[in-house]
Amino acid sequence: MDTFTGRFVHFNRVVNPVNALYLDQTLVEFSHRVSELRQRSKTLTNIEQKEMDHKSLILSSSVNPDTLEVIPWHMRTTTFVPMGMPIMAGMLMTAPTLPNIIFW
């Protein structure tokens, strides 16, 4: 996270659309497991550390950090591009008439 490349790679991992495929119940289970691993963070094995990092990355794009509530699927960071593409396509493909300009 100290270099541009590190921040870019982290952002790409967070907004990966595959992360949107996790169900709400799975995210709650991930949250419990990550909190359990953080409590004993000094005695983690290498595999447990990788597991915690992976689940934390998924949770960072799917769970509100303040309230710890699961964000609805269509409003998550991971679905920003897939949900925004139809809107952008509609805006770009419509004819530039006065009603289209006003209502878009």
C-alpha atoms as a PDB file:
ATOM      1  CA  MET A   1       0.000   0.000   0.000  1.00  0.00           C
ATOM      2  CA  ASP A   2       3.059   2.270  -0.015  1.00  0.00           C
ATOM      3  CA  THR A   3       3.290   2.578  -3.785  1.00  0.00           C
ATOM      4  CA  PHE A   4       0.849   3.380  -6.535  1.00  0.00           C
ATOM      5  CA  THR A   5       1.078  -0.173  -7.828  1.00  0.00           C
ATOM      6  CA  GLY A   6       0.264  -1.609  -4.403  1.00  0.00           C
ATOM      7  CA  ARG A   7      -2.782   0.634  -4.022  1.00  0.00           C
ATOM      8  CA  PHE A   8      -3.905  -0.182  -7.571  1.00  0.00           C
ATOM      9  CA  VAL A   9      -3.658  -3.938  -7.000  1.00  0.00           C
ATOM     10  CA  HIS A  10      -5.522  -3.631  -3.670  1.00  0.00           C
ATOM     11  CA  PHE A  11      -8.314  -1.598  -5.305  1.00  0.00           C
ATOM     12  CA  ASN A  12      -8.652  -4.161  -8.109  1.00  0.00           C
ATOM     13  CA  ARG A  13      -8.939  -6.951  -5.547  1.00  0.00           C
ATOM     14  CA  VAL A  14     -11.626  -5.061  -3.611  1.00  0.00           C
ATOM     15  CA  VAL A  15     -13.786  -4.218  -6.646  1.00  0.00           C
ATOM     16  CA  ASN A  16     -13.478  -7.671  -8.219  1.00  0.00           C
ATOM     17  CA  PRO A  17     -17.035  -8.592  -9.366  1.00  0.00           C
ATOM     18  CA  VAL A  18     -16.494 -12.213  -8.253  1.00  0.00           C
ATOM     19  CA  ASN A  19     -16.685 -10.953  -4.647  1.00  0.00           C
ATOM     20  CA  ALA A  20     -20.320 -10.009  -5.269  1.00  0.00           C
ATOM     21  CA  LEU A  21     -21.282 -13.659  -5.602  1.00  0.00           C
ATOM     22  CA  TYR A  22     -21.005 -14.330  -1.865  1.00  0.00           C
ATOM     23  CA  LEU A  23     -24.356 -14.659  -0.103  1.00  0.00           C
ATOM     24  CA  ASP A  24     -25.276 -12.577   2.941  1.00  0.00           C
ATOM     25  CA  GLN A  25     -25.126 -15.605   5.250  1.00  0.00           C
ATOM     26  CA  THR A  26     -21.630 -16.426   3.998  1.00  0.00           C
ATOM     27  CA  LEU A  27     -20.520 -12.864   4.710  1.00  0.00           C
ATOM     28  CA  VAL A  28     -21.844 -13.087   8.268  1.00  0.00           C
ATOM     29  CA  GLU A  29     -19.894 -16.328   8.737  1.00  0.00           C
ATOM     30  CA  PHE A  30     -16.775 -14.647   7.308  1.00  0.00           C
ATOM     31  CA  SER A  31     -17.236 -11.768   9.734  1.00  0.00           C
ATOM     32  CA  HIS A  32     -17.429 -14.098  12.724  1.00  0.00           C
ATOM     33  CA  ARG A  33     -14.388 -16.051  11.567  1.00  0.00           C
ATOM     34  CA  VAL A  34     -12.320 -12.902  10.967  1.00  0.00           C
ATOM     35  CA  SER A  35     -13.177 -11.483  14.384  1.00  0.00           C
ATOM     36  CA  GLU A  36     -12.234 -14.824  15.945  1.00  0.00           C
ATOM     37  CA  LEU A  37      -8.893 -14.823  14.115  1.00  0.00           C
ATOM     38  CA  ARG A  38      -8.179 -11.191  15.053  1.00  0.00           C
ATOM     39  CA  GLN A  39      -8.642 -11.981  18.736  1.00  0.00           C
ATOM     40  CA  ARG A  40      -5.780 -14.441  18.611  1.00  0.00           C
ATOM     41  CA  SER A  41      -3.749 -12.705  15.916  1.00  0.00           C
ATOM     42  CA  LYS A  42      -0.403 -13.309  17.650  1.00  0.00           C
ATOM     43  CA  THR A  43      -0.665 -17.102  17.371  1.00  0.00           C
ATOM     44  CA  LEU A  44      -1.939 -17.473  13.795  1.00  0.00           C
ATOM     45  CA  THR A  45      -0.392 -19.951  11.417  1.00  0.00           C
ATOM     46  CA  ASN A  46       0.525 -18.863   7.904  1.00  0.00           C
ATOM     47  CA  ILE A  47      -2.591 -20.534   6.469  1.00  0.00           C
ATOM     48  CA  GLU A  48      -4.861 -18.836   9.015  1.00  0.00           C
ATOM     49  CA  GLN A  49      -3.248 -15.464   8.234  1.00  0.00           C
ATOM     50  CA  LYS A  50      -3.926 -15.940   4.506  1.00  0.00           C
ATOM     51  CA  GLU A  51      -7.494 -17.011   5.280  1.00  0.00           C
ATOM     52  CA  MET A  52      -8.041 -13.906   7.399  1.00  0.00           C
ATOM     53  CA  ASP A  53      -6.578 -11.627   4.718  1.00  0.00           C
ATOM     54  CA  HIS A  54      -8.776 -13.162   2.003  1.00  0.00           C
ATOM     55  CA  LYS A  55     -11.967 -12.952   4.053  1.00  0.00           C
ATOM     56  CA  SER A  56     -11.153  -9.425   5.236  1.00  0.00           C
ATOM     57  CA  LEU A  57     -10.736  -8.332   1.624  1.00  0.00           C
ATOM     58  CA  ILE A  58     -14.165  -9.721   0.710  1.00  0.00           C
ATOM     59  CA  LEU A  59     -15.738  -8.135   3.790  1.00  0.00           C
ATOM     60  CA  SER A  60     -14.201  -4.742   3.007  1.00  0.00           C
ATOM     61  CA  SER A  61     -16.260  -4.533  -0.180  1.00  0.00           C
ATOM     62  CA  SER A  62     -19.481  -6.073   1.167  1.00  0.00           C
ATOM     63  CA  VAL A  63     -19.935  -4.963   4.780  1.00  0.00           C
ATOM     64  CA  ASN A  64     -20.405  -1.465   6.186  1.00  0.00           C
ATOM     65  CA  PRO A  65     -17.361  -0.803   8.409  1.00  0.00           C
ATOM     66  CA  ASP A  66     -19.291   1.385  10.875  1.00  0.00           C
ATOM     67  CA  THR A  67     -22.427  -0.672  11.488  1.00  0.00           C
ATOM     68  CA  LEU A  68     -21.066  -4.081  10.353  1.00  0.00           C
ATOM     69  CA  GLU A  69     -24.253  -4.657   8.358  1.00  0.00           C
ATOM     70  CA  VAL A  70     -24.144  -6.441   5.019  1.00  0.00           C
ATOM     71  CA  ILE A  71     -24.616  -3.985   2.156  1.00  0.00           C
ATOM     72  CA  PRO A  72     -27.377  -4.954  -0.335  1.00  0.00           C
ATOM     73  CA  TRP A  73     -26.000  -6.737  -3.372  1.00  0.00           C
ATOM     74  CA  HIS A  74     -26.763  -4.032  -5.928  1.00  0.00           C
ATOM     75  CA  MET A  75     -25.097  -1.303  -3.831  1.00  0.00           C
ATOM     76  CA  ARG A  76     -21.768  -3.000  -3.056  1.00  0.00           C
ATOM     77  CA  THR A  77     -18.423  -1.752  -4.311  1.00  0.00           C
ATOM     78  CA  THR A  78     -17.983  -4.920  -6.340  1.00  0.00           C
ATOM     79  CA  THR A  79     -21.132  -4.305  -8.391  1.00  0.00           C
ATOM     80  CA  PHE A  80     -20.411  -0.674  -9.234  1.00  0.00           C
ATOM     81  CA  VAL A  81     -19.281  -1.388 -12.793  1.00  0.00           C
ATOM     82  CA  PRO A  82     -21.810  -4.125 -13.698  1.00  0.00           C
ATOM     83  CA  MET A  83     -24.724  -2.062 -12.337  1.00  0.00           C
ATOM     84  CA  GLY A  84     -23.495   1.195 -13.877  1.00  0.00           C
ATOM     85  CA  MET A  85     -22.833  -0.114 -17.385  1.00  0.00           C
ATOM     86  CA  PRO A  86     -26.514  -0.309 -18.475  1.00  0.00           C
ATOM     87  CA  ILE A  87     -27.093   3.223 -17.205  1.00  0.00           C
ATOM     88  CA  MET A  88     -24.052   4.558 -19.048  1.00  0.00           C
ATOM     89  CA  ALA A  89     -25.013   2.681 -22.213  1.00  0.00           C
ATOM     90  CA  GLY A  90     -28.515   4.128 -22.038  1.00  0.00           C
ATOM     91  CA  MET A  91     -27.166   7.633 -21.582  1.00  0.00           C
ATOM     92  CA  LEU A  92     -24.693   7.322 -24.449  1.00  0.00           C
ATOM     93  CA  MET A  93     -27.036   5.647 -26.939  1.00  0.00           C
ATOM     94  CA  THR A  94     -30.050   7.929 -26.657  1.00  0.00           C
ATOM     95  CA  ALA A  95     -30.537  10.666 -29.183  1.00  0.00           C
ATOM     96  CA  PRO A  96     -29.629  14.137 -27.867  1.00  0.00           C
ATOM     97  CA  THR A  97     -33.157  15.564 -27.935  1.00  0.00           C
ATOM     98  CA  LEU A  98     -34.396  18.117 -25.424  1.00  0.00           C
ATOM     99  CA  PRO A  99     -36.459  15.630 -23.312  1.00  0.00           C
ATOM    100  CA  ASN A 100     -33.518  13.204 -23.200  1.00  0.00           C
ATOM    101  CA  ILE A 101     -31.173  15.958 -22.073  1.00  0.00           C
ATOM    102  CA  ILE A 102     -33.549  17.134 -19.331  1.00  0.00           C
ATOM    103  CA  PHE A 103     -34.506  13.724 -17.943  1.00  0.00           C
ATOM    104  CA  TRP A 104     -31.109  12.026 -18.175  1.00  0.00           C
END
